[in-house]
N, C-alpha and C. Protein backbone atom coordinates (compact mmCIF):
# COMPACT_ATOMS: atom_id res chain seq x y z
N ASN A 1 135.82 43.82 122.14
CA ASN A 1 134.92 42.57 121.24
C ASN A 1 133.66 42.61 121.71
N TYR A 2 133.22 43.17 120.36
CA TYR A 2 131.29 42.95 120.46
C TYR A 2 131.22 41.57 120.62
N GLY A 3 131.95 40.28 120.13
CA GLY A 3 131.04 39.13 120.84
C GLY A 3 131.49 38.85 121.87
N TYR A 4 132.02 39.37 122.68
CA TYR A 4 132.53 39.29 123.92
C TYR A 4 131.33 39.51 124.78
N VAL A 5 131.15 40.81 124.85
CA VAL A 5 130.15 41.64 125.13
C VAL A 5 128.25 40.74 125.74
N PHE A 6 128.16 40.95 123.80
CA PHE A 6 127.08 39.95 123.17
C PHE A 6 126.72 38.45 124.49
N ASN A 7 129.07 37.94 124.44
CA ASN A 7 128.47 36.44 124.82
C ASN A 7 128.18 36.40 126.82
N LYS A 8 129.63 37.34 126.68
CA LYS A 8 129.49 37.65 128.09
C LYS A 8 128.09 38.57 129.45
N PHE A 9 127.18 39.14 128.32
CA PHE A 9 126.72 39.78 129.27
C PHE A 9 124.89 39.76 128.98
N TYR A 10 125.08 39.59 127.62
CA TYR A 10 123.44 38.68 127.01
C TYR A 10 123.58 37.20 126.80
N GLY A 11 124.64 36.28 127.13
CA GLY A 11 124.43 35.21 127.15
C GLY A 11 124.02 35.04 125.79
N VAL A 12 124.46 35.53 124.68
CA VAL A 12 124.09 35.06 123.37
C VAL A 12 125.50 34.15 122.66
N LYS A 13 125.40 32.96 122.15
CA LYS A 13 126.16 32.30 121.47
C LYS A 13 126.92 33.17 120.91
N TYR A 14 128.04 32.80 120.46
CA TYR A 14 129.72 33.66 119.42
C TYR A 14 129.79 33.43 118.55
N LYS A 15 130.13 33.20 117.78
CA LYS A 15 130.92 32.40 116.24
C LYS A 15 131.29 34.06 115.41
N GLY A 16 133.11 34.03 115.16
CA GLY A 16 133.54 34.51 114.73
C GLY A 16 134.07 34.06 113.49
N VAL A 17 134.43 35.04 112.48
CA VAL A 17 134.67 34.55 111.20
C VAL A 17 136.20 35.61 110.84
N GLU A 18 137.28 35.30 111.03
CA GLU A 18 138.46 36.03 111.59
C GLU A 18 139.10 35.94 110.00
N LEU A 19 139.59 36.94 109.05
CA LEU A 19 140.67 36.34 108.19
C LEU A 19 141.83 36.50 108.39
N SER A 20 142.09 36.93 109.63
CA SER A 20 143.61 37.13 110.07
C SER A 20 143.70 35.62 110.91
N GLN A 21 144.72 34.94 110.93
CA GLN A 21 144.82 33.41 111.56
C GLN A 21 145.66 34.33 112.74
N PHE A 22 146.63 35.15 112.60
CA PHE A 22 146.97 36.15 113.73
C PHE A 22 146.17 36.40 114.67
N ALA A 23 145.15 37.28 114.23
CA ALA A 23 144.03 37.32 115.26
C ALA A 23 143.70 36.32 115.81
N VAL A 24 142.94 35.57 115.63
CA VAL A 24 142.41 34.33 115.92
C VAL A 24 143.30 33.31 117.03
N ASN A 25 144.49 33.70 117.08
CA ASN A 25 145.62 33.10 117.60
C ASN A 25 145.59 33.96 119.13
N GLN A 26 145.11 35.62 118.54
CA GLN A 26 145.26 36.37 119.83
C GLN A 26 144.03 36.19 120.56
N ASN A 27 142.85 35.34 120.66
CA ASN A 27 141.90 35.19 121.41
C ASN A 27 141.71 35.07 122.81
N PRO A 28 141.93 36.73 123.56
CA PRO A 28 141.79 36.79 124.55
C PRO A 28 140.29 36.45 125.21
N TYR A 29 139.47 36.52 124.64
CA TYR A 29 137.90 35.63 125.86
C TYR A 29 137.77 34.33 125.38
N LYS A 30 138.77 33.95 124.45
CA LYS A 30 138.75 32.50 124.35
C LYS A 30 137.20 32.05 123.87
N LEU A 31 136.62 32.94 122.57
CA LEU A 31 135.33 32.90 122.05
C LEU A 31 135.00 31.64 120.89
N ASP A 32 134.97 31.69 120.34
CA ASP A 32 134.57 30.93 119.28
C ASP A 32 134.98 31.66 117.99
N LEU A 33 136.37 31.29 117.76
CA LEU A 33 136.38 32.27 116.66
C LEU A 33 137.48 31.52 115.58
N ILE A 34 137.34 31.46 114.21
CA ILE A 34 137.88 30.68 113.26
C ILE A 34 138.34 31.44 112.28
N GLN A 35 139.41 31.24 111.82
CA GLN A 35 140.12 31.25 110.59
C GLN A 35 139.13 31.51 109.04
N GLY A 36 138.66 32.31 108.64
CA GLY A 36 138.05 32.33 106.90
C GLY A 36 137.83 33.06 106.66
N ASN A 37 137.10 33.73 105.54
CA ASN A 37 137.07 34.41 104.56
C ASN A 37 135.02 34.60 104.43
N ILE A 38 135.10 35.75 104.62
CA ILE A 38 132.92 35.86 104.75
C ILE A 38 132.94 36.06 103.12
N ILE A 39 134.01 35.84 102.08
CA ILE A 39 133.80 36.02 100.98
C ILE A 39 133.20 34.90 100.33
N ASN A 40 133.89 33.67 100.93
CA ASN A 40 133.36 32.00 100.63
C ASN A 40 133.16 31.07 101.68
N TYR A 41 132.86 31.80 102.65
CA TYR A 41 132.53 31.25 103.92
C TYR A 41 131.30 30.81 104.01
N LYS A 42 130.66 29.09 103.97
CA LYS A 42 129.56 28.84 104.00
C LYS A 42 129.31 27.86 105.70
N ASP A 43 128.34 28.18 106.35
CA ASP A 43 127.53 27.55 107.89
C ASP A 43 126.56 27.36 107.54
N ALA A 44 126.51 25.95 107.76
CA ALA A 44 124.81 25.50 108.09
C ALA A 44 124.18 25.71 109.19
N ASN A 45 124.47 26.68 109.66
CA ASN A 45 123.89 27.29 110.56
C ASN A 45 123.16 28.83 110.35
N LYS A 46 122.16 29.06 111.02
CA LYS A 46 121.61 30.60 111.11
C LYS A 46 121.59 31.26 112.30
N TYR A 47 121.93 32.10 112.20
CA TYR A 47 121.86 32.89 113.24
C TYR A 47 121.26 34.29 113.28
N ASP A 48 121.03 34.55 114.52
CA ASP A 48 120.02 35.59 114.68
C ASP A 48 120.16 37.29 114.83
N LEU A 49 121.58 37.28 115.33
CA LEU A 49 122.43 38.19 115.45
C LEU A 49 123.65 38.61 114.08
N ILE A 50 123.77 39.07 113.03
CA ILE A 50 125.07 38.85 112.05
C ILE A 50 125.63 40.35 112.21
N LEU A 51 126.88 40.61 113.36
CA LEU A 51 128.22 41.66 113.04
C LEU A 51 129.02 41.99 112.10
N CYS A 52 128.99 42.20 111.30
CA CYS A 52 129.88 43.13 110.23
C CYS A 52 130.88 44.36 110.56
N LEU A 53 131.36 44.65 111.35
CA LEU A 53 132.14 45.45 112.17
C LEU A 53 133.98 45.27 111.89
N ASP A 54 133.90 46.72 111.01
CA ASP A 54 134.96 46.93 110.13
C ASP A 54 135.79 45.49 109.61
N ILE A 55 134.94 45.06 108.81
CA ILE A 55 134.84 43.84 107.60
C ILE A 55 134.92 44.94 105.63
N LEU A 56 133.43 44.55 105.62
CA LEU A 56 133.43 44.84 104.34
C LEU A 56 134.05 46.48 103.62
N GLU A 57 134.45 47.29 104.12
CA GLU A 57 135.56 48.32 103.29
C GLU A 57 136.89 47.55 103.26
N HIS A 58 137.15 46.45 103.98
CA HIS A 58 138.34 45.56 103.74
C HIS A 58 138.23 45.55 102.22
N LEU A 59 137.78 44.56 101.73
CA LEU A 59 137.37 44.08 100.72
C LEU A 59 137.41 45.01 99.18
N LYS A 60 137.52 44.04 98.34
CA LYS A 60 137.26 44.90 96.84
C LYS A 60 136.26 45.13 96.58
N GLU A 61 135.76 46.23 95.68
CA GLU A 61 134.59 46.08 94.68
C GLU A 61 134.12 44.93 94.47
N ASN A 62 134.82 44.11 93.95
CA ASN A 62 134.41 43.04 93.13
C ASN A 62 134.25 41.77 93.69
N GLU A 63 134.65 41.76 95.22
CA GLU A 63 134.62 40.86 96.27
C GLU A 63 133.04 41.15 97.13
N LEU A 64 132.81 42.10 97.25
CA LEU A 64 131.57 43.14 97.56
C LEU A 64 130.20 42.04 97.50
N GLU A 65 129.99 41.94 96.31
CA GLU A 65 128.52 41.08 95.80
C GLU A 65 128.39 39.95 96.51
N LYS A 66 129.45 39.18 96.63
CA LYS A 66 129.87 37.53 96.88
C LYS A 66 129.55 37.81 98.62
N ALA A 67 130.49 38.27 99.05
CA ALA A 67 130.35 38.59 100.47
C ALA A 67 129.00 38.84 101.38
N LEU A 68 128.04 40.17 100.83
CA LEU A 68 127.14 40.25 101.03
C LEU A 68 125.62 39.25 100.83
N GLU A 69 125.94 38.17 99.61
CA GLU A 69 125.39 36.94 99.42
C GLU A 69 125.75 36.56 100.86
N ASN A 70 127.21 35.65 100.63
CA ASN A 70 127.03 34.67 101.86
C ASN A 70 126.30 35.15 103.48
N ILE A 71 126.69 36.54 103.61
CA ILE A 71 126.89 37.66 105.19
C ILE A 71 124.81 36.76 105.39
N GLN A 72 124.25 37.88 103.97
CA GLN A 72 122.50 37.59 104.49
C GLN A 72 122.25 36.48 104.53
N TYR A 73 122.69 34.98 103.45
CA TYR A 73 122.52 33.55 104.22
C TYR A 73 122.70 33.11 105.28
N LEU A 74 123.01 33.91 106.68
CA LEU A 74 123.98 33.30 107.74
C LEU A 74 123.12 33.41 108.89
N GLY A 75 121.85 34.57 108.53
CA GLY A 75 120.92 35.28 109.43
C GLY A 75 119.84 35.56 109.22
N ASN A 76 119.56 36.45 110.26
CA ASN A 76 117.73 37.36 109.82
C ASN A 76 118.44 39.02 110.51
N THR A 77 119.01 38.84 111.34
CA THR A 77 119.16 40.26 112.08
C THR A 77 120.85 40.98 111.63
N TYR A 78 121.19 41.87 111.34
CA TYR A 78 122.47 42.44 111.02
C TYR A 78 123.09 44.01 111.57
N LEU A 79 124.02 43.95 111.56
CA LEU A 79 124.65 45.19 112.25
C LEU A 79 125.72 45.58 111.53
N PHE A 80 125.81 46.75 110.42
CA PHE A 80 127.11 46.90 109.75
C PHE A 80 127.73 48.38 110.67
N SER A 81 129.12 48.34 110.46
CA SER A 81 129.80 49.09 110.99
C SER A 81 131.12 49.62 110.00
N ILE A 82 130.56 50.87 109.11
CA ILE A 82 131.20 50.79 107.83
C ILE A 82 131.78 52.52 107.94
N PRO A 83 133.09 52.97 108.01
CA PRO A 83 133.60 54.08 107.57
C PRO A 83 133.18 54.47 106.01
N PHE A 84 132.71 56.19 106.21
CA PHE A 84 131.79 56.15 104.69
C PHE A 84 132.72 57.57 104.65
N ILE A 85 132.53 57.71 103.15
CA ILE A 85 133.24 58.82 103.45
C ILE A 85 132.77 60.13 104.16
N GLY A 86 134.10 61.13 104.49
CA GLY A 86 133.32 62.02 105.57
C GLY A 86 134.22 61.57 106.92
N ASP A 87 133.98 60.14 106.89
CA ASP A 87 134.27 60.20 108.43
C ASP A 87 136.23 59.98 108.61
N PRO A 88 136.47 60.45 109.25
CA PRO A 88 138.27 60.17 109.35
C PRO A 88 138.45 58.50 109.79
N ASN A 89 137.86 58.13 110.56
CA ASN A 89 138.49 56.25 110.27
C ASN A 89 138.53 55.95 108.55
N LEU A 90 137.95 56.17 107.54
CA LEU A 90 138.42 55.96 106.86
C LEU A 90 139.12 56.08 106.01
N GLU A 91 140.16 56.85 106.22
CA GLU A 91 140.81 57.69 105.83
C GLU A 91 142.45 57.13 106.86
N ALA A 92 142.33 56.85 108.06
CA ALA A 92 143.24 56.24 109.19
C ALA A 92 143.54 55.86 108.86
N ASP A 93 143.14 53.76 108.45
CA ASP A 93 143.90 52.70 107.81
C ASP A 93 143.82 52.48 106.54
N SER A 94 145.00 52.17 106.35
CA SER A 94 145.35 51.81 104.73
C SER A 94 144.96 50.73 104.56
N THR A 95 144.33 49.65 104.67
CA THR A 95 144.09 49.06 104.33
C THR A 95 142.43 48.75 103.87
N HIS A 96 141.42 50.10 104.42
CA HIS A 96 140.47 50.39 103.20
C HIS A 96 140.55 49.91 101.96
N GLN A 97 140.18 49.49 101.37
CA GLN A 97 139.95 49.31 99.80
C GLN A 97 138.28 50.02 99.69
N ILE A 98 137.18 49.54 100.04
CA ILE A 98 136.29 50.00 99.53
C ILE A 98 136.15 51.70 100.25
N LYS A 99 135.87 52.61 99.58
CA LYS A 99 135.95 54.15 100.04
C LYS A 99 135.00 54.97 99.44
N GLN A 100 133.66 54.84 100.22
CA GLN A 100 132.52 55.84 99.38
C GLN A 100 131.75 56.17 100.49
N SER A 101 130.59 56.94 99.68
CA SER A 101 129.40 57.79 100.65
C SER A 101 128.28 56.38 101.43
N LYS A 102 128.15 57.49 102.12
CA LYS A 102 127.10 56.60 103.54
C LYS A 102 125.99 55.96 101.79
N GLU A 103 125.60 56.88 101.26
CA GLU A 103 124.79 56.80 99.82
C GLU A 103 124.55 55.12 99.36
N TRP A 104 126.03 55.05 98.74
CA TRP A 104 126.71 54.79 97.86
C TRP A 104 126.40 52.98 98.37
N TRP A 105 126.91 52.98 100.03
CA TRP A 105 126.35 51.74 100.45
C TRP A 105 125.23 51.43 100.92
N ILE A 106 124.38 52.18 100.99
CA ILE A 106 122.99 51.66 101.38
C ILE A 106 122.54 51.25 100.26
N GLU A 107 122.36 51.80 98.67
CA GLU A 107 121.92 51.41 97.63
C GLU A 107 123.02 49.89 97.61
N ARG A 108 123.71 49.44 98.55
CA ARG A 108 124.18 48.34 97.65
C ARG A 108 123.79 47.02 98.59
N LEU A 109 123.91 47.45 100.19
CA LEU A 109 123.59 47.23 101.47
C LEU A 109 121.65 46.15 101.01
N ASN A 110 121.11 47.47 100.44
CA ASN A 110 120.04 47.23 100.27
C ASN A 110 119.31 46.31 98.97
N LYS A 111 120.44 45.55 98.48
CA LYS A 111 119.83 44.47 97.14
C LYS A 111 119.43 43.35 97.97
N TYR A 112 120.05 43.09 99.29
CA TYR A 112 120.00 42.04 99.94
C TYR A 112 119.50 41.79 101.28
N PHE A 113 119.30 43.44 102.00
CA PHE A 113 118.94 44.09 102.99
C PHE A 113 117.90 44.73 103.41
N ASN A 114 116.63 45.35 104.11
CA ASN A 114 116.13 46.48 104.80
C ASN A 114 116.79 46.49 105.25
N ILE A 115 117.41 47.67 105.20
CA ILE A 115 118.43 49.11 105.68
C ILE A 115 118.21 49.93 106.00
N LYS A 116 118.55 50.45 107.24
CA LYS A 116 117.83 51.24 108.25
C LYS A 116 119.28 51.91 108.90
N ASP A 117 119.19 53.40 109.57
CA ASP A 117 119.88 54.41 110.26
C ASP A 117 119.82 53.49 112.04
N ALA A 118 120.85 53.41 112.50
CA ALA A 118 120.98 52.89 113.91
C ALA A 118 121.17 54.22 114.33
N PRO A 119 119.82 54.12 115.86
CA PRO A 119 119.14 54.92 116.60
C PRO A 119 120.52 55.95 117.16
N GLU A 120 120.35 57.21 116.98
CA GLU A 120 121.64 58.55 117.61
C GLU A 120 122.04 58.34 118.95
N THR A 121 121.07 57.79 119.43
CA THR A 121 121.75 57.38 121.31
C THR A 121 122.37 56.43 120.85
N TRP A 122 122.89 55.63 120.23
CA TRP A 122 123.83 55.03 120.00
C TRP A 122 125.38 55.31 119.69
N ILE A 123 126.24 55.04 120.92
CA ILE A 123 127.56 55.46 119.77
C ILE A 123 128.49 54.89 118.85
N PHE A 124 128.59 56.13 118.04
CA PHE A 124 129.22 55.54 116.81
C PHE A 124 128.03 54.96 115.38
N HIS A 125 127.07 55.81 116.21
CA HIS A 125 125.75 55.26 115.50
C HIS A 125 126.23 55.77 113.98
N ASN A 126 127.16 57.08 114.02
CA ASN A 126 127.22 57.63 112.44
C ASN A 126 127.72 56.81 111.53
N GLN A 127 127.91 55.71 112.10
CA GLN A 127 128.76 54.57 110.72
C GLN A 127 128.27 53.47 110.74
N LEU A 128 126.97 53.72 112.08
CA LEU A 128 126.25 52.23 112.01
C LEU A 128 125.03 51.51 111.30
N LEU A 129 125.04 50.78 110.07
CA LEU A 129 123.77 50.23 109.66
C LEU A 129 123.44 49.52 110.12
N ILE A 130 121.45 49.27 110.10
CA ILE A 130 121.22 47.98 110.90
C ILE A 130 120.29 47.44 110.30
N GLY A 131 120.53 46.37 109.54
CA GLY A 131 119.86 45.37 108.30
C GLY A 131 118.86 44.23 108.77
N THR A 132 118.15 43.77 108.03
CA THR A 132 116.70 42.93 108.50
C THR A 132 116.90 42.17 106.67
N LYS A 133 116.88 40.39 107.29
CA LYS A 133 116.88 39.83 105.89
C LYS A 133 115.56 40.30 104.99
N LYS A 134 115.66 40.30 103.67
CA LYS A 134 114.54 40.64 102.66
C LYS A 134 113.88 39.41 102.42
């Protein structure tokens, strides 16, 4: 879990929002993890880093804009992990709803964030995008 790594090794305060109550209950690292839906999640706090890992592709296209509005409100810097067309991980999970190209995703994300590619030295860089708040 990325939240665990950031918390344990870098001292970053972590709060996770998870749609599945089962996943919240199976929280082996005892992180601050709550059950919620990013489409309508509200939090008065602002965070330095928002991790959107294996989330957005599970939404329906008509839910994406609301989710991005909520995500933008929560922080300043964002890391998105999204399998794009051509990535075998996209078809490996039957719960993926949005199956689009990297260019399509960048266009959508750029409405809310300044998006750039992750450095090539990062593991899984081919499915990572970095954003800063506009």
